[in-house]
Amino acid sequence: MALIQNDKLRHIVRSGWRGVCPRCGQASMFDGWLKLAARCPACGLDYSFAHADDGPAFFALCLTAFPLVFIVVWIEVTWSPPWWVHALVSVPILALGCLGSLRPFKGWLVVSQYLNEAP
C-alpha cells in the first residue's frame, strides 16, 4: 500500500510540475499560463472534473510568499537598506516567486483530483 501511495505522490508531483495531462502525460493541461484546456489534445481527457478554485493562490501564499517575506524582513533587519532597494529586490522576489509557483500548484491540484477521483 505504501508503494502505491509513493507512486501516486510521485505521479502527482511530476505531472503537476510539468503541467501535463494526468492520464497520458503527453500534452499540456494548460491553455495559457493558468487556464486549463477543455480537453487533452493527445488522449481527449475532459478537464471539467478539475476545480482548483483558490487552492493555487492559497498554497502560493502559504508556501511561497510566507518564507519570502521572512527573507525580506531579514534583509531589512540585517542591512536596513533604503526603500528603493526593497522596490528593486524585494518586490520582484515576491512577485516572481508567487506568480511562478501558481502553475505548478494548480497542476498538482488537478492531477491530485484526477488520481483521487474527486467529485
C-alpha atoms as a PDB file:
ATOM      1  CA  MET A   1       0.000   0.000   0.000  1.00  0.00           C
ATOM      2  CA  ALA A   2       2.822   2.419   0.849  1.00  0.00           C
ATOM      3  CA  LEU A   3       4.438   1.724  -2.521  1.00  0.00           C
ATOM      4  CA  ILE A   4       1.199   2.587  -4.295  1.00  0.00           C
ATOM      5  CA  GLN A   5       0.920   5.841  -2.326  1.00  0.00           C
ATOM      6  CA  ASN A   6       4.544   6.744  -3.166  1.00  0.00           C
ATOM      7  CA  ASP A   7       3.916   6.080  -6.858  1.00  0.00           C
ATOM      8  CA  LYS A   8       0.765   8.194  -6.724  1.00  0.00           C
ATOM      9  CA  LEU A   9       2.592  11.055  -4.998  1.00  0.00           C
ATOM     10  CA  ARG A  10       5.462  10.823  -7.477  1.00  0.00           C
ATOM     11  CA  HIS A  11       2.982  10.971 -10.378  1.00  0.00           C
ATOM     12  CA  ILE A  12       1.181  13.962  -8.844  1.00  0.00           C
ATOM     13  CA  VAL A  13       4.405  15.897  -8.317  1.00  0.00           C
ATOM     14  CA  ARG A  14       5.950  15.032 -11.685  1.00  0.00           C
ATOM     15  CA  SER A  15       2.848  15.601 -13.831  1.00  0.00           C
ATOM     16  CA  GLY A  16       1.735  18.665 -11.896  1.00  0.00           C
ATOM     17  CA  TRP A  17       5.174  20.303 -12.035  1.00  0.00           C
ATOM     18  CA  ARG A  18       5.410  19.727 -15.785  1.00  0.00           C
ATOM     19  CA  GLY A  19       1.745  20.676 -16.310  1.00  0.00           C
ATOM     20  CA  VAL A  20       0.971  17.622 -18.424  1.00  0.00           C
ATOM     21  CA  CYS A  21      -2.154  15.509 -18.692  1.00  0.00           C
ATOM     22  CA  PRO A  22      -2.579  13.257 -15.653  1.00  0.00           C
ATOM     23  CA  ARG A  23      -3.773  10.343 -17.807  1.00  0.00           C
ATOM     24  CA  CYS A  24      -1.347  10.244 -20.745  1.00  0.00           C
ATOM     25  CA  GLY A  25       1.441  12.615 -19.632  1.00  0.00           C
ATOM     26  CA  GLN A  26       1.931  13.751 -23.225  1.00  0.00           C
ATOM     27  CA  ALA A  27       0.251  17.113 -23.717  1.00  0.00           C
ATOM     28  CA  SER A  28      -0.077  20.226 -21.598  1.00  0.00           C
ATOM     29  CA  MET A  29      -3.203  20.511 -19.488  1.00  0.00           C
ATOM     30  CA  PHE A  30      -2.985  24.302 -19.722  1.00  0.00           C
ATOM     31  CA  ASP A  31      -4.295  26.608 -22.402  1.00  0.00           C
ATOM     32  CA  GLY A  32      -2.319  29.676 -21.327  1.00  0.00           C
ATOM     33  CA  TRP A  33      -0.494  30.410 -18.088  1.00  0.00           C
ATOM     34  CA  LEU A  34      -3.187  29.258 -15.636  1.00  0.00           C
ATOM     35  CA  LYS A  35      -6.238  28.469 -17.764  1.00  0.00           C
ATOM     36  CA  LEU A  36      -6.969  24.775 -18.104  1.00  0.00           C
ATOM     37  CA  ALA A  37      -7.645  23.425 -21.566  1.00  0.00           C
ATOM     38  CA  ALA A  38     -11.091  21.954 -22.162  1.00  0.00           C
ATOM     39  CA  ARG A  39      -9.594  18.558 -23.091  1.00  0.00           C
ATOM     40  CA  CYS A  40      -6.223  16.919 -23.505  1.00  0.00           C
ATOM     41  CA  PRO A  41      -5.201  17.213 -27.178  1.00  0.00           C
ATOM     42  CA  ALA A  42      -3.407  13.839 -27.017  1.00  0.00           C
ATOM     43  CA  CYS A  43      -5.830  11.495 -25.214  1.00  0.00           C
ATOM     44  CA  GLY A  44      -9.030  13.561 -25.046  1.00  0.00           C
ATOM     45  CA  LEU A  45      -9.339  13.640 -21.241  1.00  0.00           C
ATOM     46  CA  ASP A  46     -12.081  16.111 -20.324  1.00  0.00           C
ATOM     47  CA  TYR A  47     -10.815  18.520 -17.663  1.00  0.00           C
ATOM     48  CA  SER A  48     -14.285  19.520 -16.476  1.00  0.00           C
ATOM     49  CA  PHE A  49     -13.651  17.460 -13.308  1.00  0.00           C
ATOM     50  CA  ALA A  50     -10.934  19.893 -12.217  1.00  0.00           C
ATOM     51  CA  HIS A  51     -11.914  22.580  -9.742  1.00  0.00           C
ATOM     52  CA  ALA A  52      -8.706  24.039  -8.345  1.00  0.00           C
ATOM     53  CA  ASP A  53     -10.510  27.304  -7.461  1.00  0.00           C
ATOM     54  CA  ASP A  54      -8.428  29.319  -4.954  1.00  0.00           C
ATOM     55  CA  GLY A  55      -6.192  26.407  -3.981  1.00  0.00           C
ATOM     56  CA  PRO A  56      -3.156  27.505  -6.026  1.00  0.00           C
ATOM     57  CA  ALA A  57      -3.333  31.032  -4.599  1.00  0.00           C
ATOM     58  CA  PHE A  58      -3.605  29.662  -1.058  1.00  0.00           C
ATOM     59  CA  PHE A  59      -0.561  27.429  -1.492  1.00  0.00           C
ATOM     60  CA  ALA A  60       1.413  30.190  -3.225  1.00  0.00           C
ATOM     61  CA  LEU A  61       0.651  32.472  -0.302  1.00  0.00           C
ATOM     62  CA  CYS A  62       1.444  29.948   2.432  1.00  0.00           C
ATOM     63  CA  LEU A  63       4.322  28.031   0.883  1.00  0.00           C
ATOM     64  CA  THR A  64       5.965  30.701  -1.264  1.00  0.00           C
ATOM     65  CA  ALA A  65       5.107  34.206  -0.066  1.00  0.00           C
ATOM     66  CA  PHE A  66       5.369  33.496   3.646  1.00  0.00           C
ATOM     67  CA  PRO A  67       9.008  32.265   3.519  1.00  0.00           C
ATOM     68  CA  LEU A  68       9.946  35.024   1.074  1.00  0.00           C
ATOM     69  CA  VAL A  69       8.580  37.660   3.455  1.00  0.00           C
ATOM     70  CA  PHE A  70      10.943  36.307   6.108  1.00  0.00           C
ATOM     71  CA  ILE A  71      13.837  36.839   3.679  1.00  0.00           C
ATOM     72  CA  VAL A  72      12.696  40.407   3.007  1.00  0.00           C
ATOM     73  CA  VAL A  73      12.395  41.107   6.753  1.00  0.00           C
ATOM     74  CA  TRP A  74      15.841  39.569   7.313  1.00  0.00           C
ATOM     75  CA  ILE A  75      17.287  41.900   4.649  1.00  0.00           C
ATOM     76  CA  GLU A  76      15.647  44.865   6.377  1.00  0.00           C
ATOM     77  CA  VAL A  77      16.809  43.915   9.861  1.00  0.00           C
ATOM     78  CA  THR A  78      20.337  42.945   8.817  1.00  0.00           C
ATOM     79  CA  TRP A  79      21.232  45.809   6.496  1.00  0.00           C
ATOM     80  CA  SER A  80      18.383  48.319   6.834  1.00  0.00           C
ATOM     81  CA  PRO A  81      18.605  49.332   3.175  1.00  0.00           C
ATOM     82  CA  PRO A  82      16.777  52.344   1.728  1.00  0.00           C
ATOM     83  CA  TRP A  83      13.238  51.852   0.429  1.00  0.00           C
ATOM     84  CA  TRP A  84      14.323  51.754  -3.204  1.00  0.00           C
ATOM     85  CA  VAL A  85      16.447  48.644  -2.559  1.00  0.00           C
ATOM     86  CA  HIS A  86      13.293  46.856  -1.427  1.00  0.00           C
ATOM     87  CA  ALA A  87      11.498  48.166  -4.507  1.00  0.00           C
ATOM     88  CA  LEU A  88      14.233  46.742  -6.729  1.00  0.00           C
ATOM     89  CA  VAL A  89      14.859  43.481  -4.843  1.00  0.00           C
ATOM     90  CA  SER A  90      12.023  42.513  -2.506  1.00  0.00           C
ATOM     91  CA  VAL A  91       9.043  43.284  -4.718  1.00  0.00           C
ATOM     92  CA  PRO A  92      10.354  41.281  -7.713  1.00  0.00           C
ATOM     93  CA  ILE A  93      11.358  38.364  -5.461  1.00  0.00           C
ATOM     94  CA  LEU A  94       7.852  38.180  -4.010  1.00  0.00           C
ATOM     95  CA  ALA A  95       6.079  38.746  -7.338  1.00  0.00           C
ATOM     96  CA  LEU A  96       8.133  36.233  -9.310  1.00  0.00           C
ATOM     97  CA  GLY A  97       8.070  33.684  -6.504  1.00  0.00           C
ATOM     98  CA  CYS A  98       4.301  33.779  -6.145  1.00  0.00           C
ATOM     99  CA  LEU A  99       3.460  34.009  -9.846  1.00  0.00           C
ATOM    100  CA  GLY A 100       5.988  31.334 -10.713  1.00  0.00           C
ATOM    101  CA  SER A 101       4.570  28.862  -8.220  1.00  0.00           C
ATOM    102  CA  LEU A 102       0.893  29.250  -9.181  1.00  0.00           C
ATOM    103  CA  ARG A 103       1.071  26.981 -12.238  1.00  0.00           C
ATOM    104  CA  PRO A 104       2.791  24.026 -10.517  1.00  0.00           C
ATOM    105  CA  PHE A 105       0.396  24.296  -7.564  1.00  0.00           C
ATOM    106  CA  LYS A 106      -2.593  24.275  -9.925  1.00  0.00           C
ATOM    107  CA  GLY A 107      -1.119  21.339 -11.827  1.00  0.00           C
ATOM    108  CA  TRP A 108      -0.609  19.390  -8.613  1.00  0.00           C
ATOM    109  CA  LEU A 109      -4.197  20.038  -7.538  1.00  0.00           C
ATOM    110  CA  VAL A 110      -5.647  18.978 -10.898  1.00  0.00           C
ATOM    111  CA  VAL A 111      -3.561  15.779 -11.060  1.00  0.00           C
ATOM    112  CA  SER A 112      -4.457  15.013  -7.448  1.00  0.00           C
ATOM    113  CA  GLN A 113      -8.148  15.458  -8.201  1.00  0.00           C
ATOM    114  CA  TYR A 114      -7.855  13.141 -11.190  1.00  0.00           C
ATOM    115  CA  LEU A 115      -5.961  10.377  -9.365  1.00  0.00           C
ATOM    116  CA  ASN A 116      -8.203  10.534  -6.305  1.00  0.00           C
ATOM    117  CA  GLU A 117     -11.367  10.701  -8.415  1.00  0.00           C
ATOM    118  CA  ALA A 118     -12.571  13.853  -6.677  1.00  0.00           C
ATOM    119  CA  PRO A 119     -16.237  14.655  -7.306  1.00  0.00           C
END
